[in-house]
Amino acid sequence: MVDSKMLIEVFNDHHTRHLVMVEAMIKQRTYSKYAQEAALLLGKQIKLGRKQRKWSEMNLAERVGISRATLQKIERGEMTCAIGLVFEAATLVGINLFEQDKLPLSISIDQTKDKIALLPKRIQSKTKAVDDDF
């Protein structure tokens, strides 16, 4: 879905200030309810972990290497945040990610690689069956 928005751009040209109206095409993404709830849950868990450690937003943001505003987006579960930043924040506050049956991640990675190796290297789209029923 593409949504058209009007933006106002301000720039200085020697002694004159110019306002320019620019129409921008902004692509709106849609996410499943499950994905949105998962992001919200992880964000709330990060916030809880931060508060349990008595860290300020700025303290955790500095540890992750991001701005306070980005951390606030992560904690609100916004879907626009880079997954690496979310995972780093989660790790710093002690959230275990993807640990099933207490297996180390390296074992899970190896098992997943083995499963991928058994599948075809390339996935091709299914071709339409020829309708030869005359």
Protein backbone atom coordinates (compact mmCIF):
# COMPACT_ATOMS: atom_id res chain seq x y z
CA MET A 1 0.00 0.00 0.00
CA VAL A 2 1.42 3.38 -0.98
CA ASP A 3 0.28 6.53 0.78
CA SER A 4 0.91 10.02 -0.53
CA LYS A 5 2.00 12.63 2.03
CA MET A 6 2.88 16.29 1.72
CA LEU A 7 6.15 17.35 3.30
CA ILE A 8 7.41 20.87 3.85
CA GLU A 9 11.11 21.39 3.30
CA VAL A 10 12.83 24.48 4.67
CA PHE A 11 16.17 25.67 3.37
CA ASN A 12 18.17 28.89 3.40
CA ASP A 13 19.44 30.50 0.21
CA HIS A 14 21.82 33.34 1.13
CA HIS A 15 19.35 35.85 2.60
CA THR A 16 16.06 34.20 1.75
CA ARG A 17 14.21 31.42 3.45
CA HIS A 18 12.35 29.08 1.12
CA LEU A 19 9.50 26.71 1.85
CA VAL A 20 9.03 23.94 -0.65
CA MET A 21 6.07 21.58 -0.67
CA VAL A 22 7.20 18.14 -1.68
CA GLU A 23 4.89 15.22 -2.32
CA ALA A 24 6.51 12.03 -1.11
CA MET A 25 5.37 8.51 -1.70
CA ILE A 26 5.67 6.68 1.60
CA LYS A 27 5.25 2.93 1.65
CA GLN A 28 3.13 1.78 4.57
CA ARG A 29 3.88 -1.72 5.81
CA THR A 30 1.34 -3.94 7.44
CA TYR A 31 2.27 -6.49 10.07
CA SER A 32 0.36 -9.45 11.45
CA LYS A 33 -1.21 -9.03 14.86
CA TYR A 34 1.05 -11.80 16.19
CA ALA A 35 4.23 -10.03 15.01
CA GLN A 36 3.04 -6.75 16.54
CA GLU A 37 2.23 -8.41 19.85
CA ALA A 38 5.60 -10.22 19.87
CA ALA A 39 7.43 -6.91 19.33
CA LEU A 40 5.35 -5.25 22.05
CA LEU A 41 6.04 -8.11 24.48
CA LEU A 42 9.78 -8.01 23.82
CA GLY A 43 9.77 -4.22 24.22
CA LYS A 44 7.97 -4.47 27.56
CA GLN A 45 10.38 -7.19 28.72
CA ILE A 46 13.32 -4.96 27.81
CA LYS A 47 11.77 -2.08 29.76
CA LEU A 48 11.18 -4.37 32.75
CA GLY A 49 14.77 -5.68 32.64
CA ARG A 50 16.12 -2.13 32.42
CA LYS A 51 14.07 -0.97 35.39
CA GLN A 52 14.97 -4.06 37.45
CA ARG A 53 18.63 -3.15 36.91
CA LYS A 54 17.80 0.45 37.89
CA TRP A 55 19.16 1.73 34.58
CA SER A 56 17.84 4.94 33.06
CA GLU A 57 16.73 5.01 29.43
CA MET A 58 19.88 6.99 28.62
CA ASN A 59 22.10 4.45 30.39
CA LEU A 60 20.77 1.49 28.40
CA ALA A 61 20.73 3.51 25.16
CA GLU A 62 24.43 4.33 25.62
CA ARG A 63 25.23 0.67 26.32
CA VAL A 64 23.45 -0.38 23.12
CA GLY A 65 24.96 2.51 21.15
CA ILE A 66 21.67 4.14 20.18
CA SER A 67 19.75 7.29 20.99
CA ARG A 68 17.29 7.48 23.85
CA ALA A 69 14.50 8.03 21.29
CA THR A 70 15.38 4.75 19.54
CA LEU A 71 15.33 2.91 22.87
CA GLN A 72 11.90 4.37 23.58
CA LYS A 73 10.69 3.02 20.21
CA ILE A 74 12.10 -0.41 21.06
CA GLU A 75 10.38 -0.40 24.45
CA ARG A 76 7.07 0.59 22.79
CA GLY A 77 7.42 -2.37 20.42
CA GLU A 78 7.58 -0.26 17.28
CA MET A 79 8.17 -2.40 14.21
CA THR A 80 10.57 0.04 12.53
CA CYS A 81 13.54 -0.67 14.82
CA ALA A 82 16.44 -2.74 13.51
CA ILE A 83 16.25 -6.26 14.88
CA GLY A 84 19.94 -6.25 15.82
CA LEU A 85 19.40 -3.25 18.09
CA VAL A 86 16.38 -4.90 19.71
CA PHE A 87 18.32 -8.12 20.31
CA GLU A 88 21.28 -6.22 21.75
CA ALA A 89 19.05 -4.31 24.18
CA ALA A 90 17.34 -7.58 25.17
CA THR A 91 20.67 -9.30 25.74
CA LEU A 92 22.03 -6.45 27.87
CA VAL A 93 19.04 -6.60 30.22
CA GLY A 94 19.29 -10.39 30.52
CA ILE A 95 16.48 -11.63 28.27
CA ASN A 96 17.20 -15.10 26.90
CA LEU A 97 16.40 -15.27 23.20
CA PHE A 98 15.55 -18.52 21.41
CA GLU A 99 16.70 -20.84 24.17
CA GLN A 100 14.69 -24.03 23.93
CA ASP A 101 15.30 -26.77 26.46
CA LYS A 102 18.31 -24.79 27.70
CA LEU A 103 20.33 -25.69 24.58
CA PRO A 104 23.07 -23.20 23.74
CA LEU A 105 22.31 -21.12 20.68
CA SER A 106 25.29 -22.63 18.84
CA ILE A 107 23.65 -26.08 18.99
CA SER A 108 20.34 -24.67 17.72
CA ILE A 109 22.19 -22.88 14.91
CA ASP A 110 23.95 -26.11 13.90
CA GLN A 111 20.67 -28.05 13.97
CA THR A 112 18.96 -25.42 11.82
CA LYS A 113 21.87 -25.39 9.34
CA ASP A 114 21.61 -29.20 9.08
CA LYS A 115 17.88 -28.97 8.32
CA ILE A 116 18.49 -26.26 5.69
CA ALA A 117 21.18 -28.43 4.05
CA LEU A 118 18.59 -31.19 3.50
CA LEU A 119 16.31 -28.84 1.55
CA PRO A 120 16.75 -27.85 -2.10
CA LYS A 121 19.27 -25.06 -2.71
CA ARG A 122 16.75 -23.11 -4.78
CA ILE A 123 13.03 -22.83 -4.39
CA GLN A 124 11.13 -22.39 -7.62
CA SER A 125 7.60 -21.11 -7.96
CA LYS A 126 5.06 -23.74 -8.76
CA THR A 127 4.13 -23.71 -12.39
CA LYS A 128 0.49 -23.80 -13.35
CA ALA A 129 -0.77 -27.20 -14.34
CA VAL A 130 -1.78 -27.36 -17.98
CA ASP A 131 -5.53 -27.63 -18.33
CA ASP A 132 -5.79 -30.21 -21.08
CA ASP A 133 -9.31 -31.30 -20.25
CA PHE A 134 -11.09 -30.37 -23.52
